[in-house]
Protein backbone atom coordinates (compact mmCIF):
# COMPACT_ATOMS: atom_id res chain seq x y z
CA ASP A 1 0.00 0.00 0.00
CA ILE A 2 1.07 3.55 -0.65
CA ALA A 3 -0.24 6.79 0.82
CA ILE A 4 0.01 9.82 -1.46
CA ARG A 5 -0.45 13.35 -0.17
CA SER A 6 -0.38 16.57 -2.14
CA SER A 7 -0.95 20.30 -1.94
CA PHE A 8 -3.35 22.16 -4.22
CA VAL A 9 -3.60 25.83 -5.04
CA VAL A 10 -7.06 26.76 -6.29
CA GLY A 11 -7.65 29.91 -8.31
CA PHE A 12 -4.16 30.54 -9.65
CA PRO A 13 -4.34 33.49 -12.09
CA GLY A 14 -5.78 32.29 -15.38
CA GLU A 15 -7.24 29.06 -13.98
CA THR A 16 -10.27 28.13 -16.06
CA GLU A 17 -13.18 25.89 -15.14
CA GLU A 18 -11.65 23.23 -17.40
CA ASP A 19 -8.30 23.55 -15.56
CA PHE A 20 -10.07 23.02 -12.26
CA ASN A 21 -12.01 20.05 -13.67
CA GLU A 22 -8.72 18.48 -14.82
CA THR A 23 -7.39 18.85 -11.28
CA MET A 24 -10.53 17.14 -9.96
CA ARG A 25 -10.09 14.29 -12.46
CA LEU A 26 -6.52 13.85 -11.24
CA ILE A 27 -7.75 13.78 -7.62
CA ASP A 28 -10.34 11.12 -8.50
CA GLU A 29 -7.82 9.07 -10.46
CA VAL A 30 -5.03 9.16 -7.87
CA GLY A 31 -7.18 8.94 -4.74
CA PHE A 32 -4.98 11.05 -2.49
CA ASP A 33 -4.73 9.91 1.10
CA ALA A 34 -4.67 13.51 2.31
CA SER A 35 -4.05 16.98 0.97
CA PHE A 36 -3.44 20.55 1.87
CA SER A 37 -5.33 23.06 -0.23
CA PHE A 38 -5.88 26.77 -0.28
CA VAL A 39 -7.00 29.66 -2.48
CA TYR A 40 -4.18 31.38 -4.38
CA SER A 41 -3.14 34.72 -2.92
CA LYS A 42 -0.69 37.20 -4.40
CA ARG A 43 2.80 37.22 -2.97
CA PRO A 44 4.74 40.43 -3.67
CA GLY A 45 7.89 39.90 -5.68
CA THR A 46 6.75 36.65 -7.32
CA PRO A 47 6.18 36.35 -11.06
CA ALA A 48 2.52 35.40 -10.50
CA ALA A 49 1.84 38.60 -8.56
CA ASP A 50 1.74 40.55 -11.83
CA LEU A 51 -0.54 38.14 -13.71
CA PRO A 52 -4.11 39.23 -14.41
CA ASP A 53 -6.59 37.48 -12.12
CA ASP A 54 -10.17 37.75 -13.33
CA THR A 55 -11.68 34.82 -11.40
CA PRO A 56 -13.96 36.11 -8.63
CA TYR A 57 -12.98 35.12 -5.10
CA GLU A 58 -16.41 33.49 -4.60
CA VAL A 59 -15.71 31.12 -7.52
CA LYS A 60 -12.30 30.28 -6.10
CA LEU A 61 -13.81 29.62 -2.69
CA LYS A 62 -16.53 27.37 -4.17
CA ARG A 63 -13.86 25.38 -6.05
CA LEU A 64 -11.76 25.05 -2.91
CA GLN A 65 -14.72 23.81 -0.88
CA HIS A 66 -15.55 21.22 -3.54
CA LEU A 67 -11.94 20.02 -3.77
CA GLN A 68 -11.67 19.76 0.02
CA ALA A 69 -14.98 17.90 0.31
CA VAL A 70 -13.84 15.31 -2.25
CA ASN A 71 -10.44 14.88 -0.59
CA ASP A 72 -11.96 14.71 2.90
CA ALA A 73 -14.43 12.03 1.75
CA ARG A 74 -11.57 9.97 0.32
CA ALA A 75 -9.52 10.35 3.53
CA THR A 76 -12.55 9.24 5.55
CA GLU A 77 -12.96 6.15 3.33
CA ILE A 78 -9.31 5.26 3.90
CA SER A 79 -9.63 5.78 7.66
CA LYS A 80 -12.77 3.63 7.84
CA ALA A 81 -11.04 0.88 5.86
CA MET A 82 -8.28 0.88 8.49
CA LEU A 83 -10.66 0.16 11.38
CA GLY A 84 -9.94 -3.17 12.98
CA ASN A 85 -6.62 -3.42 11.15
CA ILE A 86 -3.39 -4.07 12.92
CA GLU A 87 -1.06 -1.17 12.13
CA ARG A 88 2.58 -0.40 12.86
CA CYS A 89 2.68 3.00 14.58
CA LEU A 90 5.27 5.30 16.06
CA VAL A 91 4.28 6.47 19.54
CA THR A 92 4.92 10.22 19.54
CA GLY A 93 4.09 11.03 23.17
CA PRO A 94 1.19 12.13 25.36
CA ALA A 95 -2.12 12.68 23.59
CA LYS A 96 -3.54 16.20 23.48
CA LYS A 97 -6.67 14.98 25.27
CA GLY A 98 -7.17 12.30 27.86
CA GLU A 99 -5.29 11.64 31.08
CA GLY A 100 -2.86 8.78 30.64
CA MET A 101 -3.49 8.59 26.89
CA LEU A 102 -0.74 8.45 24.29
CA SER A 103 -0.66 9.52 20.66
CA ALA A 104 0.86 7.59 17.76
CA ARG A 105 1.04 7.84 13.98
CA THR A 106 0.40 5.08 11.51
CA ASP A 107 2.58 4.53 8.44
CA ASN A 108 0.16 6.72 6.47
CA ASN A 109 0.27 9.46 9.13
CA ARG A 110 -3.11 8.81 10.80
CA VAL A 111 -3.12 9.85 14.46
CA VAL A 112 -4.36 7.24 16.93
CA THR A 113 -4.92 7.64 20.65
CA PHE A 114 -4.55 4.84 23.15
CA GLU A 115 -4.09 4.10 26.81
CA GLY A 116 -0.50 3.54 27.85
CA GLY A 117 2.38 4.70 29.99
CA PRO A 118 5.35 6.92 29.14
CA ARG A 119 7.54 3.85 28.63
CA LEU A 120 5.89 3.44 25.22
CA SER A 121 6.99 6.89 23.94
CA ALA A 122 9.42 6.85 20.97
CA ARG A 123 8.60 3.20 20.31
CA TRP A 124 7.25 1.36 17.33
CA SER A 125 4.02 -0.20 18.50
CA THR A 126 1.60 -2.58 16.87
CA LEU A 127 -1.90 -1.21 17.40
CA LYS A 128 -5.36 -2.44 16.51
CA SER A 129 -7.50 0.53 15.51
CA ARG A 130 -11.13 1.20 16.39
CA MET A 131 -13.44 4.23 16.32
CA SER A 132 -15.32 6.11 18.98
CA SER A 133 -17.19 9.10 17.59
CA ARG A 134 -14.60 10.85 15.40
CA ILE A 135 -11.61 9.90 17.56
CA ARG A 136 -9.38 7.06 16.47
CA TRP A 137 -8.58 4.79 19.40
CA ALA A 138 -6.28 1.83 19.41
CA ASP A 139 -5.35 -1.13 21.55
CA VAL A 140 -1.66 -1.92 21.99
CA LEU A 141 -0.67 -5.35 20.74
CA SER A 142 3.13 -5.06 20.97
CA SER A 143 5.88 -2.48 21.16
CA LYS A 144 9.60 -2.11 20.45
CA GLU A 145 11.95 0.82 20.82
CA ALA A 146 12.80 3.06 17.90
CA SER A 147 14.95 6.12 17.56
CA CYS A 148 13.59 9.23 15.87
CA ARG A 149 14.22 12.90 15.48
CA ASN A 150 11.61 15.51 14.66
CA PHE A 151 12.39 17.99 11.88
CA ARG A 152 9.63 20.41 10.97
CA ASN A 153 6.99 17.89 12.10
CA ARG A 154 8.33 15.17 9.82
CA PHE A 155 9.70 12.07 11.42
CA PHE A 156 12.87 10.51 10.11
CA LEU A 157 12.92 7.07 11.62
CA ARG A 158 15.29 4.23 11.92
CA ASN A 159 14.78 1.05 13.88
CA SER A 160 17.50 0.24 16.30
CA PRO A 161 18.38 -3.48 15.86
CA ARG A 162 20.19 -3.61 19.19
CA LEU A 163 16.96 -2.59 20.95
CA SER A 164 14.57 -4.87 19.05
CA SER A 165 15.19 -7.76 21.44
CA ARG A 166 13.55 -5.68 24.17
CA ALA A 167 10.09 -5.93 22.61
CA THR A 168 7.19 -5.85 25.01
CA THR A 169 3.59 -6.95 24.72
CA ALA A 170 0.61 -5.33 26.36
CA THR A 171 -3.13 -5.38 25.95
CA THR A 172 -5.09 -2.30 26.91
CA THR A 173 -8.59 -1.01 26.60
CA ALA A 174 -9.28 2.56 25.59
CA ALA A 175 -12.20 4.63 26.81
CA THR A 176 -15.06 4.69 24.36
CA SER A 177 -16.66 7.96 25.31
């Protein structure tokens, strides 16, 4: 499996309805896992800043909302298909919400929350995902240490073979409310 993410600028000067429709065909064909998208805005000193821009902002905004709705629906489909799967995740640390909860990221960058102690931080863990409302919860199946460094919110990972023999196994239950 491969997860493809992209960024889209909607309403670049001169963008026609056909140009936008071609972008939407590409999105449908590729099936992006996630995307960042925004309406074009002039940046002083760039070549595009001097281009004529006759597309009304309301049209740009409508296109952006459509593009985001399509991409969000696809991301939701992918997330739902992951439910019940066993996923390799990197535990990134305490969760933003929930006492004693940890946060981890799947190989395709989905955030999961689960019950666990600080000893699991900076470890590769095998988690079984499940849903509660719109929060992704997981149960820990196993864990092994990993080394990582954070650079602009991107994780560059490498497993540490000398630590892999210290794998642990735990079963937890996460709150469902």
